[in-house]
Amino acid sequence: MTMPIARRGLLLLATVASASASAAPDYTIEPPTPMPRNGYIEAGLGHHRLSGANPDWNDVYVRGQYEASTSTYFTGEAAHQRHFGGSGSVFGAGVTHIFDDDWYGSLGGIASSGGFFLPRWRADATLHRKFLEARNLDVRLGMGHNRAKETYTDRIYSLGAAYYFDAPWIAEGGVTLNRSTPGDVSSRRGFGALTWGRDKSHYLTLRHEVGREAYQIVGSGSAISNFSSRETAAVWRQWVTNQTGFNLRSSYYSNPSYDRAGLEIGIFSEF
């Protein structure tokens, strides 16, 4: 069954994201998938190998989504992470609401316990507008605020668009601007992504992101700042039955201080 653009448009810009440890990291790692009628739950783990003397990363997570009505969706996520020799847990929640056939928006936030590399808290708001006769061009404008545990804060502005072809392709691109303090450091990153597949069968997403980062915490009391980085990721989401399957993500990230290669796998069940 093909999901109408009005509902499919909720998913791509909200769920295809970088898992890099940028100044304002996004912890969602799943590919674009049409939303099941009532919701889903997914659990998984990841391992990332870093170059040099940097310790490996190890993560476990559980996330879910619930459709409260045909116009309102709630999401939640919890993850425990070991990065740069430290460990901590992050918790997030969000809501997406469809206003009409053309407009929808979302609000989300995260907070953490432990983990010097994790944000103390982060809040985001995004507004989407669909264009063209078939409403298959989804344009978004986003704003956010990130408060790190280690001295700095970020103001985040994003602009992006996704184009849904008849089938089976989805193309996306966007740019994110950060203004970080102290030092009033500005950074800009851009990305492009291409998805191929069909609901209840499989989705394959290729994504590349490049640009600069303002700050990144790499140790307790230690940070790198104002540097360039890039990340390439491939995500494969496969249904094994009509309601269950797995989510596999591989990624490679590089900056002047270290390289990181990782693999993440999750098992999901729709209900």
Protein backbone atom coordinates (compact mmCIF):
# COMPACT_ATOMS: atom_id res chain seq x y z
CA MET A 1 0.00 0.00 0.00
CA THR A 2 1.35 3.41 -0.96
CA MET A 3 1.18 6.02 1.79
CA PRO A 4 -0.18 9.45 0.76
CA ILE A 5 2.36 12.26 0.43
CA ALA A 6 0.59 14.16 3.23
CA ARG A 7 1.72 11.49 5.71
CA ARG A 8 4.92 10.33 4.00
CA GLY A 9 6.15 13.92 4.11
CA LEU A 10 6.48 13.68 7.88
CA LEU A 11 9.26 11.17 7.79
CA LEU A 12 12.27 12.03 5.65
CA LEU A 13 13.55 15.26 7.13
CA ALA A 14 12.77 14.07 10.65
CA THR A 15 14.41 10.66 10.45
CA VAL A 16 17.37 10.76 8.08
CA ALA A 17 20.11 12.26 10.20
CA SER A 18 23.80 12.22 10.85
CA ALA A 19 25.04 10.27 13.85
CA SER A 20 28.27 12.28 14.05
CA ALA A 21 29.37 13.84 17.32
CA SER A 22 29.00 17.37 16.00
CA ALA A 23 28.59 20.47 18.10
CA ALA A 24 24.84 19.79 18.11
CA PRO A 25 24.53 16.02 17.60
CA ASP A 26 21.39 14.30 16.39
CA TYR A 27 20.87 10.87 17.92
CA THR A 28 18.26 9.58 15.47
CA ILE A 29 19.86 7.09 13.08
CA GLU A 30 17.01 5.39 11.24
CA PRO A 31 16.23 5.80 7.52
CA PRO A 32 13.02 7.21 6.04
CA THR A 33 10.09 4.83 6.51
CA PRO A 34 6.36 5.43 6.14
CA MET A 35 4.75 5.66 9.55
CA PRO A 36 2.84 2.54 10.63
CA ARG A 37 -0.83 3.01 11.54
CA ASN A 38 -0.34 2.86 15.31
CA GLY A 39 3.41 2.98 15.85
CA TYR A 40 6.59 0.98 16.20
CA ILE A 41 9.34 0.12 18.67
CA GLU A 42 13.00 -0.51 17.84
CA ALA A 43 16.01 -1.60 19.88
CA GLY A 44 19.59 -1.78 18.73
CA LEU A 45 23.28 -1.32 19.36
CA GLY A 46 26.29 0.21 17.65
CA HIS A 47 30.07 0.02 17.62
CA HIS A 48 32.40 2.69 16.21
CA ARG A 49 36.16 2.36 15.84
CA LEU A 50 38.23 5.56 16.11
CA SER A 51 41.73 6.23 14.82
CA GLY A 52 44.77 6.94 16.98
CA ALA A 53 44.63 6.47 20.73
CA ASN A 54 40.90 7.34 20.94
CA PRO A 55 38.78 4.64 22.64
CA ASP A 56 36.08 2.92 20.60
CA TRP A 57 32.44 3.98 20.91
CA ASN A 58 29.70 1.58 22.05
CA ASP A 59 25.99 2.45 22.11
CA VAL A 60 22.67 0.77 22.90
CA TYR A 61 19.29 2.36 22.25
CA VAL A 62 15.54 1.89 22.25
CA ARG A 63 13.13 4.18 20.43
CA GLY A 64 9.50 4.23 19.49
CA GLN A 65 6.67 6.11 17.88
CA TYR A 66 2.95 6.24 18.59
CA GLU A 67 0.18 7.66 16.41
CA ALA A 68 -2.26 9.31 18.79
CA SER A 69 -4.50 10.36 15.88
CA THR A 70 -4.30 10.71 12.11
CA SER A 71 -2.74 14.16 12.63
CA THR A 72 -0.54 13.79 15.73
CA TYR A 73 2.48 11.55 16.34
CA PHE A 74 4.65 11.15 19.44
CA THR A 75 8.20 9.83 19.49
CA GLY A 76 10.56 8.80 22.27
CA GLU A 77 14.11 7.53 22.58
CA ALA A 78 16.60 6.45 25.24
CA ALA A 79 20.24 5.55 24.62
CA HIS A 80 23.30 4.69 26.67
CA GLN A 81 26.60 5.69 25.08
CA ARG A 82 30.31 5.20 25.78
CA HIS A 83 32.30 7.83 23.85
CA PHE A 84 35.85 9.16 24.31
CA GLY A 85 36.34 7.10 27.45
CA GLY A 86 33.24 8.44 29.20
CA SER A 87 29.68 7.16 29.44
CA GLY A 88 26.21 8.62 29.79
CA SER A 89 22.56 8.28 28.87
CA VAL A 90 20.40 10.51 26.69
CA PHE A 91 16.60 10.73 26.67
CA GLY A 92 14.46 12.39 24.01
CA ALA A 93 10.82 13.03 23.15
CA GLY A 94 9.00 14.79 20.34
CA VAL A 95 5.63 15.48 18.78
CA THR A 96 4.63 16.07 15.15
CA HIS A 97 1.28 17.60 14.20
CA ILE A 98 -0.35 17.93 10.76
CA PHE A 99 -2.16 21.26 10.50
CA ASP A 100 -3.66 20.73 7.03
CA ASP A 101 -2.78 19.22 3.65
CA ASP A 102 0.10 21.68 3.17
CA TRP A 103 1.53 22.41 6.62
CA TYR A 104 2.88 20.36 9.52
CA GLY A 105 5.40 20.94 12.29
CA SER A 106 7.31 19.23 15.06
CA LEU A 107 8.78 19.99 18.49
CA GLY A 108 11.43 17.91 20.21
CA GLY A 109 13.92 17.90 23.02
CA ILE A 110 16.62 15.82 24.67
CA ALA A 111 18.33 15.77 28.05
CA SER A 112 21.13 13.62 29.42
CA SER A 113 22.59 12.06 32.52
CA GLY A 114 26.36 11.75 32.77
CA GLY A 115 28.52 11.78 29.66
CA PHE A 116 30.62 14.94 29.31
CA PHE A 117 30.21 14.59 25.52
CA LEU A 118 26.39 14.71 25.70
CA PRO A 119 24.32 17.91 25.62
CA ARG A 120 22.96 19.06 28.94
CA TRP A 121 19.78 19.69 26.96
CA ARG A 122 18.66 20.49 23.44
CA ALA A 123 15.36 21.78 22.01
CA ASP A 124 14.26 21.97 18.35
CA ALA A 125 11.27 23.26 16.39
CA THR A 126 10.65 22.57 12.70
CA LEU A 127 7.98 23.83 10.29
CA HIS A 128 7.26 22.01 7.02
CA ARG A 129 5.43 23.18 3.89
CA LYS A 130 4.48 20.91 0.97
CA PHE A 131 4.49 22.29 -2.58
CA LEU A 132 3.44 21.27 -6.12
CA GLU A 133 0.13 19.79 -7.23
CA ALA A 134 0.94 16.37 -5.79
CA ARG A 135 2.43 17.94 -2.63
CA ASN A 136 5.55 15.86 -3.18
CA LEU A 137 8.06 18.66 -2.51
CA ASP A 138 8.56 19.05 1.24
CA VAL A 139 10.45 22.16 2.40
CA ARG A 140 11.41 22.66 6.03
CA LEU A 141 12.71 25.47 8.23
CA GLY A 142 14.12 24.62 11.65
CA MET A 143 15.52 26.31 14.75
CA GLY A 144 17.16 24.85 17.83
CA HIS A 145 19.22 25.52 20.92
CA ASN A 146 21.90 23.22 22.31
CA ARG A 147 23.49 23.57 25.76
CA ALA A 148 26.61 21.50 26.27
CA LYS A 149 27.97 20.35 29.60
CA GLU A 150 31.39 21.75 28.68
CA THR A 151 31.08 25.56 28.50
CA TYR A 152 29.53 26.16 25.07
CA THR A 153 26.06 26.70 23.59
CA ASP A 154 24.74 26.54 20.01
CA ARG A 155 21.98 28.36 18.21
CA ILE A 156 20.98 26.17 15.26
CA TYR A 157 19.20 27.16 12.03
CA SER A 158 18.38 24.70 9.27
CA LEU A 159 16.81 24.74 5.81
CA GLY A 160 16.10 21.62 3.78
CA ALA A 161 13.90 20.03 1.14
CA ALA A 162 12.83 16.53 0.12
CA TYR A 163 11.35 15.53 -3.24
CA TYR A 164 9.21 12.36 -3.37
CA PHE A 165 9.19 10.79 -6.81
CA ASP A 166 6.25 8.56 -7.80
CA ALA A 167 8.38 5.53 -6.78
CA PRO A 168 10.77 4.32 -5.65
CA TRP A 169 13.08 7.34 -5.15
CA ILE A 170 13.30 10.14 -2.56
CA ALA A 171 15.92 12.91 -2.86
CA GLU A 172 16.85 15.30 -0.07
CA GLY A 173 19.28 18.13 0.61
CA GLY A 174 19.80 20.79 3.22
CA VAL A 175 22.08 23.12 5.12
CA THR A 176 22.55 23.77 8.86
CA LEU A 177 24.00 26.97 10.32
CA ASN A 178 25.41 27.12 13.87
CA ARG A 179 26.29 30.18 15.92
CA SER A 180 28.25 29.02 18.96
CA THR A 181 29.58 30.72 22.08
CA PRO A 182 32.05 31.43 23.56
CA GLY A 183 33.91 33.15 20.74
CA ASP A 184 30.87 33.76 18.56
CA VAL A 185 32.01 30.95 16.23
CA SER A 186 29.92 30.34 13.09
CA SER A 187 29.84 27.05 11.21
CA ARG A 188 27.90 25.70 8.24
CA ARG A 189 27.23 22.15 7.05
CA GLY A 190 25.40 20.78 4.03
CA PHE A 191 24.15 17.32 3.11
CA GLY A 192 22.52 15.36 0.34
CA ALA A 193 20.67 12.03 0.55
CA LEU A 194 19.06 9.61 -1.88
CA THR A 195 16.63 6.83 -0.87
CA TRP A 196 15.44 3.88 -2.94
CA GLY A 197 12.79 1.35 -1.92
CA ARG A 198 9.19 0.63 -0.99
CA ASP A 199 7.20 0.31 2.23
CA LYS A 200 6.98 -3.25 3.65
CA SER A 201 9.88 -4.33 1.42
CA HIS A 202 13.10 -2.38 1.98
CA TYR A 203 14.70 1.06 1.91
CA LEU A 204 18.31 1.88 1.04
CA THR A 205 19.56 5.39 1.87
CA LEU A 206 22.91 6.93 0.95
CA ARG A 207 23.83 10.19 2.67
CA HIS A 208 26.84 12.52 2.57
CA GLU A 209 27.45 15.51 4.83
CA VAL A 210 30.30 18.02 4.71
CA GLY A 211 31.16 21.35 6.30
CA ARG A 212 32.56 22.89 9.45
CA GLU A 213 31.90 22.34 13.15
CA ALA A 214 32.19 24.99 15.84
CA TYR A 215 32.94 22.79 18.88
CA GLN A 216 33.24 19.10 19.67
CA ILE A 217 33.98 17.61 23.09
CA VAL A 218 36.65 14.88 22.78
CA GLY A 219 37.54 14.41 26.46
CA SER A 220 36.63 15.63 29.92
CA GLY A 221 37.55 19.33 29.79
CA SER A 222 38.95 18.93 26.25
CA ALA A 223 37.44 20.19 23.00
CA ILE A 224 38.36 20.90 19.39
CA SER A 225 36.86 23.92 17.63
CA ASN A 226 36.32 25.59 14.26
CA PHE A 227 37.30 22.64 12.06
CA SER A 228 36.09 20.90 8.90
CA SER A 229 34.61 17.40 8.83
CA ARG A 230 32.67 15.05 6.59
CA GLU A 231 30.55 11.93 7.00
CA THR A 232 29.20 9.32 4.59
CA ALA A 233 26.52 6.84 5.68
CA ALA A 234 24.50 4.01 4.18
CA VAL A 235 21.29 2.75 5.80
CA TRP A 236 19.40 -0.42 4.88
CA ARG A 237 15.94 -1.01 6.38
CA GLN A 238 14.53 -4.44 5.59
CA TRP A 239 11.11 -5.91 6.42
CA VAL A 240 11.26 -9.63 7.21
CA THR A 241 7.50 -9.89 7.81
CA ASN A 242 4.76 -7.35 7.22
CA GLN A 243 5.42 -5.77 10.64
CA THR A 244 8.96 -6.69 11.70
CA GLY A 245 12.45 -6.27 10.32
CA PHE A 246 15.92 -4.85 10.88
CA ASN A 247 17.72 -1.57 10.40
CA LEU A 248 21.44 -1.61 9.46
CA ARG A 249 23.61 1.52 9.29
CA SER A 250 27.28 1.91 8.37
CA SER A 251 29.13 5.22 8.50
CA TYR A 252 32.52 6.84 8.08
CA TYR A 253 33.36 10.20 9.67
CA SER A 254 36.57 12.22 9.38
CA ASN A 255 37.99 15.45 10.80
CA PRO A 256 41.60 16.71 11.20
CA SER A 257 41.89 15.09 14.67
CA TYR A 258 40.55 11.56 14.07
CA ASP A 259 38.58 9.22 11.79
CA ARG A 260 35.63 7.09 12.88
CA ALA A 261 34.03 4.04 11.22
CA GLY A 262 30.92 2.44 12.65
CA LEU A 263 28.19 -0.13 12.29
CA GLU A 264 24.76 -0.04 13.97
CA ILE A 265 21.96 -2.61 13.88
CA GLY A 266 18.42 -2.44 15.21
CA ILE A 267 15.37 -4.72 15.25
CA PHE A 268 11.95 -3.09 14.83
CA SER A 269 8.35 -4.18 15.25
CA GLU A 270 5.31 -2.20 14.07
CA PHE A 271 1.94 -2.37 15.79
